[in-house]
Protein backbone atom coordinates (compact mmCIF):
# COMPACT_ATOMS: atom_id res chain seq x y z
CA MET A 1 -13.14 -11.67 5.16
CA ILE A 2 -9.87 -12.71 3.53
CA ALA A 3 -8.01 -16.01 3.11
CA ALA A 4 -4.32 -16.84 3.25
CA ASP A 5 -2.17 -19.35 1.42
CA SER A 6 0.42 -21.29 3.39
CA SER A 7 3.35 -19.49 1.70
CA SER A 8 2.29 -16.11 3.08
CA LEU A 9 1.01 -17.56 6.34
CA ILE A 10 4.31 -19.30 7.11
CA ALA A 11 6.22 -16.09 6.35
CA PHE A 12 3.89 -14.26 8.76
CA LEU A 13 4.39 -16.87 11.48
CA GLU A 14 8.15 -16.67 11.06
CA GLY A 15 8.08 -12.90 11.63
CA GLU A 16 8.77 -11.72 8.11
CA ILE A 17 7.65 -8.17 7.35
CA ALA A 18 6.15 -7.75 3.87
CA PRO A 19 2.89 -6.51 2.34
CA ASP A 20 1.34 -9.99 2.43
CA THR A 21 2.32 -10.63 6.05
CA ASP A 22 1.02 -7.18 7.03
CA ALA A 23 -2.31 -8.04 5.40
CA ILE A 24 -2.44 -11.31 7.34
CA ALA A 25 -1.67 -9.50 10.61
CA GLU A 26 -4.50 -7.04 9.97
CA ALA A 27 -6.98 -9.77 9.05
CA PHE A 28 -5.95 -11.92 12.03
CA ALA A 29 -6.31 -8.98 14.45
CA ALA A 30 -9.74 -8.13 13.03
CA LEU A 31 -10.84 -11.80 13.21
CA GLU A 32 -11.36 -11.76 9.44
CA LEU A 33 -8.74 -14.36 8.51
CA TYR A 34 -10.12 -17.52 6.94
CA LEU A 35 -8.15 -20.57 5.93
CA PRO A 36 -8.96 -22.91 3.09
CA PRO A 37 -8.89 -26.46 4.54
CA PRO A 38 -5.95 -27.54 2.32
CA VAL A 39 -3.83 -24.83 3.99
CA ILE A 40 -4.40 -26.60 7.32
CA VAL A 41 -2.95 -29.77 5.82
CA GLU A 42 0.11 -27.88 4.60
CA LEU A 43 0.65 -26.09 7.91
CA LEU A 44 0.20 -29.07 10.18
CA GLY A 45 2.08 -31.36 7.83
CA LYS A 46 5.41 -29.61 8.50
CA PRO A 47 8.09 -31.87 10.02
CA ALA A 48 8.63 -29.63 13.05
CA ASP A 49 5.97 -29.33 15.71
CA GLU A 50 5.33 -25.59 15.53
CA PRO A 51 3.07 -24.27 18.29
CA ARG A 52 2.63 -21.03 16.33
CA TYR A 53 1.14 -22.98 13.44
CA ALA A 54 -1.27 -24.80 15.72
CA GLU A 55 -2.28 -21.50 17.36
CA ILE A 56 -3.25 -19.81 14.12
CA VAL A 57 -5.09 -22.93 12.97
CA ALA A 58 -7.04 -22.96 16.23
CA ASN A 59 -7.93 -19.25 15.98
CA ALA A 60 -8.77 -18.90 12.31
CA SER A 61 -12.05 -19.79 10.69
CA LEU A 62 -12.19 -22.32 7.89
CA LEU A 63 -13.68 -21.65 4.49
CA PRO A 64 -16.46 -24.11 3.76
CA LEU A 65 -16.33 -26.69 1.01
CA ALA A 66 -19.39 -26.05 -1.14
CA GLU A 67 -21.31 -28.81 -2.88
CA GLY A 68 -19.56 -29.72 -6.12
CA TYR A 69 -16.25 -28.32 -4.84
CA TRP A 70 -14.12 -31.29 -5.86
CA GLN A 71 -15.43 -31.30 -9.42
CA ARG A 72 -14.98 -27.53 -9.80
CA ALA A 73 -11.42 -27.75 -8.44
CA ARG A 74 -10.68 -30.52 -10.93
CA ASP A 75 -12.18 -28.49 -13.77
CA SER A 76 -10.24 -25.35 -12.80
CA ARG A 77 -6.99 -27.29 -12.66
CA ARG A 78 -7.69 -28.90 -16.03
CA LEU A 79 -8.41 -25.50 -17.55
CA ILE A 80 -5.14 -23.99 -16.28
CA ARG A 81 -3.15 -26.99 -17.45
CA SER A 82 -4.85 -26.90 -20.86
CA LYS A 83 -3.50 -23.36 -21.24
CA GLY A 84 0.01 -24.75 -20.70
CA PHE A 85 0.49 -23.48 -17.15
CA LYS A 86 1.47 -25.24 -13.96
CA ALA A 87 -1.41 -26.01 -11.61
CA ARG A 88 -0.53 -28.02 -8.52
CA GLY A 89 -3.41 -30.00 -7.07
CA VAL A 90 -3.25 -28.31 -3.68
CA ASP A 91 -3.20 -24.86 -5.34
CA ALA A 92 -6.34 -25.79 -7.27
CA LEU A 93 -8.04 -26.87 -4.04
CA ILE A 94 -7.06 -23.65 -2.24
CA ALA A 95 -8.06 -21.46 -5.18
CA GLN A 96 -11.44 -23.20 -5.54
CA CYS A 97 -12.27 -22.70 -1.85
CA CYS A 98 -11.70 -18.98 -2.29
CA ILE A 99 -13.55 -18.79 -5.61
CA ASP A 100 -16.57 -20.60 -4.17
CA ALA A 101 -16.67 -18.36 -1.08
CA ASP A 102 -15.94 -15.19 -3.11
CA VAL A 103 -13.00 -14.45 -0.81
CA THR A 104 -9.73 -12.75 -1.73
CA LEU A 105 -6.57 -14.83 -1.30
CA ILE A 106 -3.29 -13.53 0.13
CA ALA A 107 -0.53 -15.55 -1.53
CA ARG A 108 3.10 -15.34 -2.62
CA ASP A 109 2.87 -18.17 -5.11
CA ASP A 110 2.76 -16.70 -8.62
CA ASP A 111 0.94 -19.77 -9.94
CA TYR A 112 -2.29 -18.43 -8.45
CA ARG A 113 -2.30 -15.66 -11.07
CA HIS A 114 -3.46 -18.26 -13.59
CA PHE A 115 -6.45 -19.11 -11.40
CA ALA A 116 -7.15 -15.38 -11.18
CA ARG A 117 -6.98 -14.91 -14.95
CA TRP A 118 -8.91 -17.98 -16.03
CA CYS A 119 -11.11 -19.01 -13.08
CA GLY A 120 -12.12 -15.84 -11.23
CA LEU A 121 -9.86 -16.08 -8.17
CA LYS A 122 -9.43 -12.74 -6.41
CA LEU A 123 -5.85 -12.07 -5.30
CA ALA A 124 -4.77 -9.53 -2.71
CA PRO A 125 -2.49 -6.87 -4.19
């Protein structure tokens, strides 16, 4: 079981070849790809109607939102920001989904490294 951030997922859907997109291809083929719900919002919120985006959304499983999720996401974001680092709200929501489910996240966004260091997020190499 592994999760993907929209940055890596979009690169995969656009045919880019890289370690993160290879990991997504493997997870998707093995039916082990999970999406944090905020990634769905980012994918389907694109201006263009992309059938590829809708297809992966339809075929991937969603990570659950555990009880207390919103408060933990808020607390994680506050912690990162208190350390002087950037922590976008949507990144905090994605990171918290993965932390709660104990699932590794495939992501290109370097800001997730702060969630890994301070909050226990597992990042794919």
